[in-house]
Amino acid sequence: MKYCEACGMPLTKPEDFAGGDENSRFCLYCVNEDGSVKSCEEIFEGGVQFFISQIGNDRNLAEKITRKNMNTQSYWQGKDCPVLRGEQATDEEFAEVMKKLSV
């Protein structure tokens, strides 16, 4: 299975891919209409909102989970993105949320 290189979303069907292109390295949520990758801040906020929808209204935890998740994605390696600095979810917190998503 392929995953978005910016947010980690599983790319399981053609419409999950940016522009419906199954060769894309990104999901439909991480690119602009012109095909460019959205800013780190935009993708971070999208991740926070997604995790809030999954774990409940705990923005602090959602930010820590998003930060940990994005920092593991290949696209962000070597890029300086201020929102990715700071406290990250522990391995245990992250694993617990990922387990809930796979149910």
Protein backbone atom coordinates (compact mmCIF):
# COMPACT_ATOMS: atom_id res chain seq x y z
CA MET A 1 0.00 0.00 0.00
CA LYS A 2 1.13 3.55 -0.71
CA TYR A 3 0.92 6.43 1.75
CA CYS A 4 0.95 10.19 1.28
CA GLU A 5 4.51 11.42 1.78
CA ALA A 6 3.30 14.61 3.48
CA CYS A 7 0.61 13.38 5.90
CA GLY A 8 0.80 9.58 5.90
CA MET A 9 -2.76 9.00 4.69
CA PRO A 10 -3.21 5.51 3.20
CA LEU A 11 -3.76 5.77 -0.56
CA THR A 12 -6.10 2.86 -1.16
CA LYS A 13 -8.21 3.98 -4.12
CA PRO A 14 -7.59 6.24 -7.15
CA GLU A 15 -9.57 9.14 -5.74
CA ASP A 16 -7.31 9.23 -2.64
CA PHE A 17 -4.37 10.35 -4.79
CA ALA A 18 -3.72 14.00 -5.67
CA GLY A 19 -5.46 14.69 -8.96
CA GLY A 20 -6.64 11.08 -9.09
CA ASP A 21 -3.14 10.18 -10.33
CA GLU A 22 -2.09 6.87 -8.82
CA ASN A 23 1.56 7.80 -9.47
CA SER A 24 1.29 10.83 -7.19
CA ARG A 25 3.27 10.78 -3.95
CA PHE A 26 0.56 12.82 -2.20
CA CYS A 27 -3.09 12.58 -1.20
CA LEU A 28 -5.87 14.80 -2.43
CA TYR A 29 -5.82 16.77 0.84
CA CYS A 30 -2.14 17.79 0.69
CA VAL A 31 -2.07 19.48 -2.72
CA ASN A 32 -3.49 22.70 -4.14
CA GLU A 33 -5.62 22.80 -7.28
CA ASP A 34 -2.50 23.52 -9.35
CA GLY A 35 -0.86 20.33 -8.06
CA SER A 36 1.62 22.03 -5.73
CA VAL A 37 2.01 20.71 -2.20
CA LYS A 38 0.25 22.82 0.43
CA SER A 39 2.27 24.62 3.07
CA CYS A 40 3.44 22.82 6.16
CA GLU A 41 1.08 24.95 8.25
CA GLU A 42 -1.93 24.05 6.09
CA ILE A 43 -1.16 20.32 6.21
CA PHE A 44 -0.48 20.52 9.95
CA GLU A 45 -3.84 22.20 10.60
CA GLY A 46 -5.61 19.61 8.43
CA GLY A 47 -3.96 16.86 10.47
CA VAL A 48 -4.95 18.50 13.74
CA GLN A 49 -8.57 18.76 12.59
CA PHE A 50 -8.56 15.12 11.43
CA PHE A 51 -7.18 13.85 14.74
CA ILE A 52 -9.63 16.01 16.73
CA SER A 53 -12.44 14.34 14.75
CA GLN A 54 -11.04 10.94 15.75
CA ILE A 55 -10.00 11.46 19.40
CA GLY A 56 -12.35 14.16 20.61
CA ASN A 57 -11.86 17.84 21.27
CA ASP A 58 -8.31 17.73 22.68
CA ARG A 59 -6.41 20.15 20.45
CA ASN A 60 -3.19 19.84 22.44
CA LEU A 61 -3.07 16.05 21.97
CA ALA A 62 -4.12 16.37 18.32
CA GLU A 63 -1.23 18.80 17.72
CA LYS A 64 1.27 16.47 19.41
CA ILE A 65 0.04 13.50 17.36
CA THR A 66 0.10 15.50 14.11
CA ARG A 67 3.60 16.78 14.88
CA LYS A 68 4.89 13.26 15.54
CA ASN A 69 3.16 11.93 12.43
CA MET A 70 4.40 14.65 10.10
CA ASN A 71 7.95 14.47 11.45
CA THR A 72 8.08 10.81 10.32
CA GLN A 73 6.99 11.59 6.75
CA SER A 74 9.70 11.69 4.10
CA TYR A 75 8.48 14.96 2.57
CA TRP A 76 9.31 16.97 5.71
CA GLN A 77 12.80 15.58 6.26
CA GLY A 78 15.33 18.41 6.02
CA LYS A 79 12.66 21.11 5.77
CA ASP A 80 12.41 23.84 8.40
CA CYS A 81 8.80 24.04 9.47
CA PRO A 82 8.20 25.89 12.77
CA VAL A 83 4.89 24.12 13.54
CA LEU A 84 6.72 20.78 13.54
CA ARG A 85 8.96 21.86 16.38
CA GLY A 86 7.76 21.34 19.91
CA GLU A 87 6.19 18.61 21.95
CA GLN A 88 5.29 15.40 20.19
CA ALA A 89 3.03 12.55 21.26
CA THR A 90 4.77 9.74 23.08
CA ASP A 91 5.16 6.47 21.23
CA GLU A 92 2.39 5.06 23.44
CA GLU A 93 -0.04 7.94 22.72
CA PHE A 94 0.69 7.70 19.02
CA ALA A 95 0.26 3.92 18.92
CA GLU A 96 -3.05 4.15 20.79
CA VAL A 97 -4.48 6.64 18.29
CA MET A 98 -3.21 4.69 15.29
CA LYS A 99 -4.78 1.53 16.71
CA LYS A 100 -8.17 3.31 16.93
CA LEU A 101 -7.86 4.39 13.30
CA SER A 102 -7.26 0.86 12.07
CA VAL A 103 -10.44 -0.54 13.62
